[in-house]
């Protein structure tokens, strides 16, 4: 059973109990995920979760990403609150309220190996959606928006990969790009609160999650910073293709069949 009691002395002791291979692989995963997140605004979870799940339990990988990504996106929230279409984002959040608990339940109760295979399948499916460039071009309706929020909530609760369904839905509409970006930041911030509450009750935030977040967080942050600085200096389409390739590689490397090569 994983330790849950958190003290200042327990954190370095827990980190020291992890193998060098596990810690190195987590750091590399966090760096690559941060680069993708900082440059393109997406791909962090699609890269980190399948990779990290190959060296730690999926629920721990998801909890680590939740903590480090939340910390990195906090500065973006005030501006998004001012610019977002709160009514549209609020309707989407209604769906998330239903979807996140279901996704969290899957992550908490299902067999870890089955969860890993499911995460790989979801990541590949969402990657296909991103690569296709498909966008919803119809008129948004409240029931459809709630439905998209529910699907995104399930994916977010189970694997922190709620982004692609919401992005594909909102980017195809008539909203200005600045409003869409603000909506996305606002929605993900609010849905993170929902997810965080569910994760607390599911017991995901114990000593392992906080200890390994302290290890992976700074590297993830460096990746986000480096990726942000690359934005505008590199051809967007080329870098997006690189991100897609990294996501595909993460899905392949994260396959349970390859565990013997990573442990």
C-alpha atoms as a PDB file:
ATOM      1  CA  UNK A   1       0.000   0.000   0.000  1.00  0.00           C
ATOM      2  CA  UNK A   2       1.295   3.479  -0.880  1.00  0.00           C
ATOM      3  CA  UNK A   3       2.133   5.771   2.072  1.00  0.00           C
ATOM      4  CA  UNK A   4      -0.283   8.649   2.589  1.00  0.00           C
ATOM      5  CA  UNK A   5       0.974  10.506   5.699  1.00  0.00           C
ATOM      6  CA  UNK A   6       2.719  13.714   4.615  1.00  0.00           C
ATOM      7  CA  UNK A   7       5.507  15.271   6.684  1.00  0.00           C
ATOM      8  CA  UNK A   8       8.608  17.221   5.696  1.00  0.00           C
ATOM      9  CA  UNK A   9      10.774  14.265   6.668  1.00  0.00           C
ATOM     10  CA  UNK A  10       8.614  11.778   4.791  1.00  0.00           C
ATOM     11  CA  UNK A  11       8.921  13.548   1.439  1.00  0.00           C
ATOM     12  CA  UNK A  12      12.698  13.148   0.871  1.00  0.00           C
ATOM     13  CA  UNK A  13      12.523   9.661   2.373  1.00  0.00           C
ATOM     14  CA  UNK A  14       9.862   8.643  -0.146  1.00  0.00           C
ATOM     15  CA  UNK A  15      11.747  10.210  -3.061  1.00  0.00           C
ATOM     16  CA  UNK A  16      14.908   8.403  -1.959  1.00  0.00           C
ATOM     17  CA  UNK A  17      13.049   5.103  -1.957  1.00  0.00           C
ATOM     18  CA  UNK A  18      12.320   5.392  -5.676  1.00  0.00           C
ATOM     19  CA  UNK A  19      14.694   3.913  -8.209  1.00  0.00           C
ATOM     20  CA  UNK A  20      16.936   6.158 -10.273  1.00  0.00           C
ATOM     21  CA  UNK A  21      15.305   4.776 -13.414  1.00  0.00           C
ATOM     22  CA  UNK A  22      11.809   5.698 -12.238  1.00  0.00           C
ATOM     23  CA  UNK A  23      12.788   9.232 -11.253  1.00  0.00           C
ATOM     24  CA  UNK A  24      14.790   9.797 -14.450  1.00  0.00           C
ATOM     25  CA  UNK A  25      11.928   8.594 -16.607  1.00  0.00           C
ATOM     26  CA  UNK A  26       9.439  10.829 -14.758  1.00  0.00           C
ATOM     27  CA  UNK A  27      11.732  13.831 -15.235  1.00  0.00           C
ATOM     28  CA  UNK A  28      12.165  13.141 -18.950  1.00  0.00           C
ATOM     29  CA  UNK A  29       8.405  12.669 -19.358  1.00  0.00           C
ATOM     30  CA  UNK A  30       7.693  15.933 -17.514  1.00  0.00           C
ATOM     31  CA  UNK A  31      10.197  17.869 -19.638  1.00  0.00           C
ATOM     32  CA  UNK A  32       8.799  16.667 -22.960  1.00  0.00           C
ATOM     33  CA  UNK A  33       5.207  17.163 -21.804  1.00  0.00           C
ATOM     34  CA  UNK A  34       6.031  20.683 -20.599  1.00  0.00           C
ATOM     35  CA  UNK A  35       7.631  21.618 -23.926  1.00  0.00           C
ATOM     36  CA  UNK A  36       4.501  20.565 -25.813  1.00  0.00           C
ATOM     37  CA  UNK A  37       2.214  22.290 -23.297  1.00  0.00           C
ATOM     38  CA  UNK A  38       4.163  25.541 -23.379  1.00  0.00           C
ATOM     39  CA  UNK A  39       4.427  25.810 -27.144  1.00  0.00           C
ATOM     40  CA  UNK A  40       1.084  24.625 -28.402  1.00  0.00           C
ATOM     41  CA  UNK A  41      -1.143  24.782 -25.312  1.00  0.00           C
ATOM     42  CA  UNK A  42      -2.004  21.103 -25.559  1.00  0.00           C
ATOM     43  CA  UNK A  43      -0.393  17.690 -25.407  1.00  0.00           C
ATOM     44  CA  UNK A  44       0.926  17.763 -21.846  1.00  0.00           C
ATOM     45  CA  UNK A  45      -1.416  15.107 -20.507  1.00  0.00           C
ATOM     46  CA  UNK A  46      -1.427  13.142 -23.754  1.00  0.00           C
ATOM     47  CA  UNK A  47       2.344  12.752 -23.391  1.00  0.00           C
ATOM     48  CA  UNK A  48       2.901  12.604 -19.621  1.00  0.00           C
ATOM     49  CA  UNK A  49       0.120  10.238 -18.512  1.00  0.00           C
ATOM     50  CA  UNK A  50       0.887   7.236 -20.762  1.00  0.00           C
ATOM     51  CA  UNK A  51       4.628   7.627 -20.168  1.00  0.00           C
ATOM     52  CA  UNK A  52       4.458   8.102 -16.393  1.00  0.00           C
ATOM     53  CA  UNK A  53       1.905   5.297 -16.072  1.00  0.00           C
ATOM     54  CA  UNK A  54       4.576   2.887 -17.281  1.00  0.00           C
ATOM     55  CA  UNK A  55       6.672   3.481 -14.131  1.00  0.00           C
ATOM     56  CA  UNK A  56       4.022   4.409 -11.516  1.00  0.00           C
ATOM     57  CA  UNK A  57       0.335   3.529 -11.085  1.00  0.00           C
ATOM     58  CA  UNK A  58      -2.005   5.409 -13.454  1.00  0.00           C
ATOM     59  CA  UNK A  59      -3.846   7.109 -10.585  1.00  0.00           C
ATOM     60  CA  UNK A  60      -0.522   8.409  -9.269  1.00  0.00           C
ATOM     61  CA  UNK A  61       0.585   9.618 -12.713  1.00  0.00           C
ATOM     62  CA  UNK A  62      -2.713  11.473 -13.136  1.00  0.00           C
ATOM     63  CA  UNK A  63      -2.484  13.029  -9.657  1.00  0.00           C
ATOM     64  CA  UNK A  64       1.086  14.230 -10.320  1.00  0.00           C
ATOM     65  CA  UNK A  65       0.062  15.864 -13.590  1.00  0.00           C
ATOM     66  CA  UNK A  66      -2.979  17.457 -11.960  1.00  0.00           C
ATOM     67  CA  UNK A  67      -0.801  19.141  -9.321  1.00  0.00           C
ATOM     68  CA  UNK A  68       2.026  20.354 -11.568  1.00  0.00           C
ATOM     69  CA  UNK A  69      -0.210  21.536 -14.394  1.00  0.00           C
ATOM     70  CA  UNK A  70      -2.547  23.369 -12.012  1.00  0.00           C
ATOM     71  CA  UNK A  71       0.361  25.268 -10.457  1.00  0.00           C
ATOM     72  CA  UNK A  72       1.681  26.273 -13.888  1.00  0.00           C
ATOM     73  CA  UNK A  73      -1.666  27.570 -15.169  1.00  0.00           C
ATOM     74  CA  UNK A  74      -2.691  29.609 -12.087  1.00  0.00           C
ATOM     75  CA  UNK A  75      -1.263  32.903 -13.471  1.00  0.00           C
ATOM     76  CA  UNK A  76      -3.457  32.581 -16.584  1.00  0.00           C
ATOM     77  CA  UNK A  77      -6.742  32.423 -14.683  1.00  0.00           C
ATOM     78  CA  UNK A  78      -7.414  36.107 -13.731  1.00  0.00           C
ATOM     79  CA  UNK A  79      -7.232  37.323 -17.329  1.00  0.00           C
ATOM     80  CA  UNK A  80      -9.366  34.441 -18.561  1.00  0.00           C
ATOM     81  CA  UNK A  81     -12.057  35.194 -15.987  1.00  0.00           C
ATOM     82  CA  UNK A  82     -12.362  38.719 -17.390  1.00  0.00           C
ATOM     83  CA  UNK A  83     -12.519  37.683 -21.054  1.00  0.00           C
ATOM     84  CA  UNK A  84     -14.417  34.383 -20.992  1.00  0.00           C
ATOM     85  CA  UNK A  85     -18.008  33.859 -22.074  1.00  0.00           C
ATOM     86  CA  UNK A  86     -19.000  32.618 -18.621  1.00  0.00           C
ATOM     87  CA  UNK A  87     -22.439  31.484 -19.702  1.00  0.00           C
ATOM     88  CA  UNK A  88     -21.056  29.174 -22.414  1.00  0.00           C
ATOM     89  CA  UNK A  89     -18.284  27.890 -20.153  1.00  0.00           C
ATOM     90  CA  UNK A  90     -20.787  27.414 -17.329  1.00  0.00           C
ATOM     91  CA  UNK A  91     -23.005  25.236 -19.533  1.00  0.00           C
ATOM     92  CA  UNK A  92     -19.962  23.120 -20.400  1.00  0.00           C
ATOM     93  CA  UNK A  93     -19.168  22.793 -16.691  1.00  0.00           C
ATOM     94  CA  UNK A  94     -22.609  21.309 -16.040  1.00  0.00           C
ATOM     95  CA  UNK A  95     -21.541  18.344 -18.152  1.00  0.00           C
ATOM     96  CA  UNK A  96     -18.185  18.170 -16.376  1.00  0.00           C
ATOM     97  CA  UNK A  97     -19.984  17.927 -13.024  1.00  0.00           C
ATOM     98  CA  UNK A  98     -21.490  14.663 -14.231  1.00  0.00           C
ATOM     99  CA  UNK A  99     -18.506  13.342 -16.176  1.00  0.00           C
ATOM    100  CA  UNK A 100     -15.601  13.940 -13.798  1.00  0.00           C
ATOM    101  CA  UNK A 101     -16.934  11.756 -10.937  1.00  0.00           C
ATOM    102  CA  UNK A 102     -17.507   8.894 -13.372  1.00  0.00           C
ATOM    103  CA  UNK A 103     -13.992   9.194 -14.783  1.00  0.00           C
ATOM    104  CA  UNK A 104     -12.532   9.381 -11.268  1.00  0.00           C
ATOM    105  CA  UNK A 105     -14.472   6.266 -10.276  1.00  0.00           C
ATOM    106  CA  UNK A 106     -13.004   4.381 -13.241  1.00  0.00           C
ATOM    107  CA  UNK A 107      -9.492   5.468 -12.275  1.00  0.00           C
ATOM    108  CA  UNK A 108     -10.003   4.552  -8.613  1.00  0.00           C
ATOM    109  CA  UNK A 109     -11.779   1.218  -8.992  1.00  0.00           C
ATOM    110  CA  UNK A 110     -10.612  -0.346 -12.233  1.00  0.00           C
ATOM    111  CA  UNK A 111      -7.611  -2.655 -12.497  1.00  0.00           C
ATOM    112  CA  UNK A 112      -4.472  -0.496 -13.068  1.00  0.00           C
ATOM    113  CA  UNK A 113      -3.417  -2.547 -16.096  1.00  0.00           C
ATOM    114  CA  UNK A 114      -6.873  -2.167 -17.664  1.00  0.00           C
ATOM    115  CA  UNK A 115      -6.746   1.576 -16.946  1.00  0.00           C
ATOM    116  CA  UNK A 116      -3.386   1.827 -18.704  1.00  0.00           C
ATOM    117  CA  UNK A 117      -4.703   0.099 -21.814  1.00  0.00           C
ATOM    118  CA  UNK A 118      -7.768   2.375 -21.727  1.00  0.00           C
ATOM    119  CA  UNK A 119      -5.553   5.470 -21.413  1.00  0.00           C
ATOM    120  CA  UNK A 120      -3.515   4.365 -24.435  1.00  0.00           C
ATOM    121  CA  UNK A 121      -6.716   3.826 -26.432  1.00  0.00           C
ATOM    122  CA  UNK A 122      -8.106   7.240 -25.433  1.00  0.00           C
ATOM    123  CA  UNK A 123      -4.808   9.007 -26.197  1.00  0.00           C
ATOM    124  CA  UNK A 124      -4.617   7.430 -29.661  1.00  0.00           C
ATOM    125  CA  UNK A 125      -8.266   8.326 -30.369  1.00  0.00           C
ATOM    126  CA  UNK A 126      -7.799  11.944 -29.252  1.00  0.00           C
ATOM    127  CA  UNK A 127      -4.576  12.186 -31.240  1.00  0.00           C
ATOM    128  CA  UNK A 128      -6.472  11.056 -34.332  1.00  0.00           C
ATOM    129  CA  UNK A 129      -9.032  13.783 -33.635  1.00  0.00           C
ATOM    130  CA  UNK A 130      -6.307  16.428 -33.355  1.00  0.00           C
ATOM    131  CA  UNK A 131      -4.434  15.265 -36.468  1.00  0.00           C
ATOM    132  CA  UNK A 132      -7.620  15.199 -38.544  1.00  0.00           C
ATOM    133  CA  UNK A 133      -8.176  18.880 -37.860  1.00  0.00           C
ATOM    134  CA  UNK A 134     -11.885  18.185 -37.365  1.00  0.00           C
ATOM    135  CA  UNK A 135     -13.888  20.969 -35.771  1.00  0.00           C
ATOM    136  CA  UNK A 136     -17.554  21.216 -34.918  1.00  0.00           C
ATOM    137  CA  UNK A 137     -18.991  23.903 -37.217  1.00  0.00           C
ATOM    138  CA  UNK A 138     -22.630  23.694 -36.217  1.00  0.00           C
ATOM    139  CA  UNK A 139     -24.430  26.093 -33.912  1.00  0.00           C
ATOM    140  CA  UNK A 140     -23.685  25.337 -30.247  1.00  0.00           C
ATOM    141  CA  UNK A 141     -26.712  24.238 -28.247  1.00  0.00           C
ATOM    142  CA  UNK A 142     -27.024  23.794 -24.499  1.00  0.00           C
ATOM    143  CA  UNK A 143     -27.656  20.002 -24.614  1.00  0.00           C
ATOM    144  CA  UNK A 144     -24.734  19.441 -26.997  1.00  0.00           C
ATOM    145  CA  UNK A 145     -22.431  21.673 -24.935  1.00  0.00           C
ATOM    146  CA  UNK A 146     -23.367  19.760 -21.786  1.00  0.00           C
ATOM    147  CA  UNK A 147     -22.724  16.487 -23.611  1.00  0.00           C
ATOM    148  CA  UNK A 148     -19.260  17.598 -24.729  1.00  0.00           C
ATOM    149  CA  UNK A 149     -18.543  18.718 -21.168  1.00  0.00           C
ATOM    150  CA  UNK A 150     -19.609  15.323 -19.830  1.00  0.00           C
ATOM    151  CA  UNK A 151     -17.359  13.429 -22.269  1.00  0.00           C
ATOM    152  CA  UNK A 152     -14.458  15.760 -21.509  1.00  0.00           C
ATOM    153  CA  UNK A 153     -15.158  15.313 -17.804  1.00  0.00           C
ATOM    154  CA  UNK A 154     -14.921  11.530 -18.038  1.00  0.00           C
ATOM    155  CA  UNK A 155     -11.625  11.781 -19.936  1.00  0.00           C
ATOM    156  CA  UNK A 156     -10.338  14.400 -17.525  1.00  0.00           C
ATOM    157  CA  UNK A 157     -11.301  12.486 -14.389  1.00  0.00           C
ATOM    158  CA  UNK A 158      -9.831   9.238 -15.663  1.00  0.00           C
ATOM    159  CA  UNK A 159      -6.661  10.500 -17.362  1.00  0.00           C
ATOM    160  CA  UNK A 160      -6.441  14.333 -17.340  1.00  0.00           C
ATOM    161  CA  UNK A 161      -7.056  14.380 -21.126  1.00  0.00           C
ATOM    162  CA  UNK A 162     -10.199  16.494 -21.290  1.00  0.00           C
ATOM    163  CA  UNK A 163      -8.796  19.063 -23.742  1.00  0.00           C
ATOM    164  CA  UNK A 164      -9.288  17.729 -27.291  1.00  0.00           C
ATOM    165  CA  UNK A 165     -13.104  17.293 -27.216  1.00  0.00           C
ATOM    166  CA  UNK A 166     -13.593  20.819 -25.847  1.00  0.00           C
ATOM    167  CA  UNK A 167     -11.049  22.369 -28.224  1.00  0.00           C
ATOM    168  CA  UNK A 168     -12.592  20.661 -31.271  1.00  0.00           C
ATOM    169  CA  UNK A 169     -16.048  21.845 -30.219  1.00  0.00           C
ATOM    170  CA  UNK A 170     -15.266  25.490 -29.474  1.00  0.00           C
ATOM    171  CA  UNK A 171     -12.671  26.230 -32.166  1.00  0.00           C
ATOM    172  CA  UNK A 172     -15.154  25.516 -34.954  1.00  0.00           C
ATOM    173  CA  UNK A 173     -17.716  28.031 -33.716  1.00  0.00           C
ATOM    174  CA  UNK A 174     -18.239  31.727 -34.357  1.00  0.00           C
ATOM    175  CA  UNK A 175     -16.613  32.941 -31.141  1.00  0.00           C
ATOM    176  CA  UNK A 176     -13.519  35.178 -31.535  1.00  0.00           C
ATOM    177  CA  UNK A 177     -10.200  33.421 -30.955  1.00  0.00           C
ATOM    178  CA  UNK A 178      -9.473  35.486 -27.831  1.00  0.00           C
ATOM    179  CA  UNK A 179     -12.818  34.470 -26.324  1.00  0.00           C
ATOM    180  CA  UNK A 180     -12.250  30.818 -27.190  1.00  0.00           C
ATOM    181  CA  UNK A 181      -8.834  30.869 -25.522  1.00  0.00           C
ATOM    182  CA  UNK A 182     -10.272  32.581 -22.447  1.00  0.00           C
ATOM    183  CA  UNK A 183     -13.148  30.085 -22.377  1.00  0.00           C
ATOM    184  CA  UNK A 184     -10.706  27.182 -22.490  1.00  0.00           C
ATOM    185  CA  UNK A 185      -8.545  28.533 -19.661  1.00  0.00           C
ATOM    186  CA  UNK A 186     -11.608  29.404 -17.562  1.00  0.00           C
ATOM    187  CA  UNK A 187     -13.298  26.065 -18.213  1.00  0.00           C
ATOM    188  CA  UNK A 188     -10.198  24.021 -17.418  1.00  0.00           C
ATOM    189  CA  UNK A 189      -9.591  26.040 -14.246  1.00  0.00           C
ATOM    190  CA  UNK A 190     -13.144  25.460 -13.018  1.00  0.00           C
ATOM    191  CA  UNK A 191     -13.198  21.818 -14.101  1.00  0.00           C
ATOM    192  CA  UNK A 192      -9.917  21.356 -12.238  1.00  0.00           C
ATOM    193  CA  UNK A 193     -11.718  22.384  -9.048  1.00  0.00           C
ATOM    194  CA  UNK A 194     -14.321  19.703  -9.725  1.00  0.00           C
ATOM    195  CA  UNK A 195     -11.609  17.168 -10.498  1.00  0.00           C
ATOM    196  CA  UNK A 196      -9.590  18.148  -7.437  1.00  0.00           C
ATOM    197  CA  UNK A 197     -12.543  17.615  -5.100  1.00  0.00           C
ATOM    198  CA  UNK A 198     -13.204  14.199  -6.611  1.00  0.00           C
ATOM    199  CA  UNK A 199      -9.518  13.245  -6.365  1.00  0.00           C
ATOM    200  CA  UNK A 200      -9.440  14.272  -2.694  1.00  0.00           C
ATOM    201  CA  UNK A 201     -12.376  12.003  -1.876  1.00  0.00           C
ATOM    202  CA  UNK A 202     -10.807   9.214  -3.940  1.00  0.00           C
ATOM    203  CA  UNK A 203      -7.606   9.509  -1.891  1.00  0.00           C
ATOM    204  CA  UNK A 204      -5.288  10.327  -4.808  1.00  0.00           C
ATOM    205  CA  UNK A 205      -3.409  13.150  -3.063  1.00  0.00           C
ATOM    206  CA  UNK A 206      -1.206  11.260  -0.647  1.00  0.00           C
ATOM    207  CA  UNK A 207       2.505  11.439  -0.003  1.00  0.00           C
ATOM    208  CA  UNK A 208       3.542   9.853  -3.352  1.00  0.00           C
ATOM    209  CA  UNK A 209       1.633  12.438  -5.412  1.00  0.00           C
ATOM    210  CA  UNK A 210       3.052  15.450  -3.579  1.00  0.00           C
ATOM    211  CA  UNK A 211       6.586  14.063  -3.308  1.00  0.00           C
ATOM    212  CA  UNK A 212       6.863  13.174  -6.988  1.00  0.00           C
ATOM    213  CA  UNK A 213       5.203  16.465  -7.973  1.00  0.00           C
ATOM    214  CA  UNK A 214       8.061  18.253  -6.234  1.00  0.00           C
ATOM    215  CA  UNK A 215      10.444  16.238  -8.387  1.00  0.00           C
ATOM    216  CA  UNK A 216       8.622  16.579 -11.713  1.00  0.00           C
ATOM    217  CA  UNK A 217       7.123  20.046 -11.241  1.00  0.00           C
ATOM    218  CA  UNK A 218      10.252  22.207 -11.744  1.00  0.00           C
ATOM    219  CA  UNK A 219      11.242  20.263 -14.851  1.00  0.00           C
ATOM    220  CA  UNK A 220       7.708  20.512 -16.232  1.00  0.00           C
ATOM    221  CA  UNK A 221       7.825  24.255 -15.555  1.00  0.00           C
ATOM    222  CA  UNK A 222      11.132  24.614 -17.392  1.00  0.00           C
ATOM    223  CA  UNK A 223       9.608  22.755 -20.324  1.00  0.00           C
ATOM    224  CA  UNK A 224       6.573  25.059 -20.365  1.00  0.00           C
ATOM    225  CA  UNK A 225       8.841  28.128 -20.231  1.00  0.00           C
ATOM    226  CA  UNK A 226      11.088  26.858 -23.022  1.00  0.00           C
ATOM    227  CA  UNK A 227       8.097  25.877 -25.134  1.00  0.00           C
ATOM    228  CA  UNK A 228       6.496  29.297 -24.619  1.00  0.00           C
ATOM    229  CA  UNK A 229       9.670  31.044 -25.747  1.00  0.00           C
ATOM    230  CA  UNK A 230       9.802  28.884 -28.865  1.00  0.00           C
ATOM    231  CA  UNK A 231       6.287  30.015 -29.749  1.00  0.00           C
ATOM    232  CA  UNK A 232       6.529  32.423 -32.663  1.00  0.00           C
ATOM    233  CA  UNK A 233      10.122  31.436 -33.472  1.00  0.00           C
ATOM    234  CA  UNK A 234       9.266  28.105 -35.046  1.00  0.00           C
ATOM    235  CA  UNK A 235       6.797  27.282 -37.779  1.00  0.00           C
ATOM    236  CA  UNK A 236       3.553  26.437 -36.003  1.00  0.00           C
ATOM    237  CA  UNK A 237       2.573  23.611 -38.334  1.00  0.00           C
ATOM    238  CA  UNK A 238       5.988  21.968 -38.088  1.00  0.00           C
ATOM    239  CA  UNK A 239       6.001  22.084 -34.307  1.00  0.00           C
ATOM    240  CA  UNK A 240       2.442  20.785 -34.098  1.00  0.00           C
ATOM    241  CA  UNK A 241       3.492  17.818 -36.224  1.00  0.00           C
ATOM    242  CA  UNK A 242       6.384  17.280 -33.824  1.00  0.00           C
ATOM    243  CA  UNK A 243       3.925  17.372 -30.910  1.00  0.00           C
ATOM    244  CA  UNK A 244       1.705  14.845 -32.655  1.00  0.00           C
ATOM    245  CA  UNK A 245       4.739  12.618 -33.163  1.00  0.00           C
ATOM    246  CA  UNK A 246       5.671  12.928 -29.489  1.00  0.00           C
ATOM    247  CA  UNK A 247       2.144  12.002 -28.415  1.00  0.00           C
ATOM    248  CA  UNK A 248       2.190   8.960 -30.701  1.00  0.00           C
ATOM    249  CA  UNK A 249       5.620   7.972 -29.355  1.00  0.00           C
ATOM    250  CA  UNK A 250       4.354   8.398 -25.779  1.00  0.00           C
ATOM    251  CA  UNK A 251       1.427   6.075 -26.506  1.00  0.00           C
ATOM    252  CA  UNK A 252       3.759   3.440 -27.943  1.00  0.00           C
ATOM    253  CA  UNK A 253       6.388   3.723 -25.192  1.00  0.00           C
ATOM    254  CA  UNK A 254       3.633   3.623 -22.583  1.00  0.00           C
ATOM    255  CA  UNK A 255       2.308   0.281 -23.792  1.00  0.00           C
ATOM    256  CA  UNK A 256       2.239  -2.245 -20.923  1.00  0.00           C
ATOM    257  CA  UNK A 257       3.965  -4.715 -23.238  1.00  0.00           C
ATOM    258  CA  UNK A 258       7.158  -2.644 -22.982  1.00  0.00           C
ATOM    259  CA  UNK A 259       7.285  -2.385 -19.181  1.00  0.00           C
ATOM    260  CA  UNK A 260      10.355  -4.576 -18.908  1.00  0.00           C
ATOM    261  CA  UNK A 261      12.385  -1.995 -20.797  1.00  0.00           C
ATOM    262  CA  UNK A 262      11.504   0.844 -18.418  1.00  0.00           C
ATOM    263  CA  UNK A 263      11.682  -0.620 -14.927  1.00  0.00           C
END
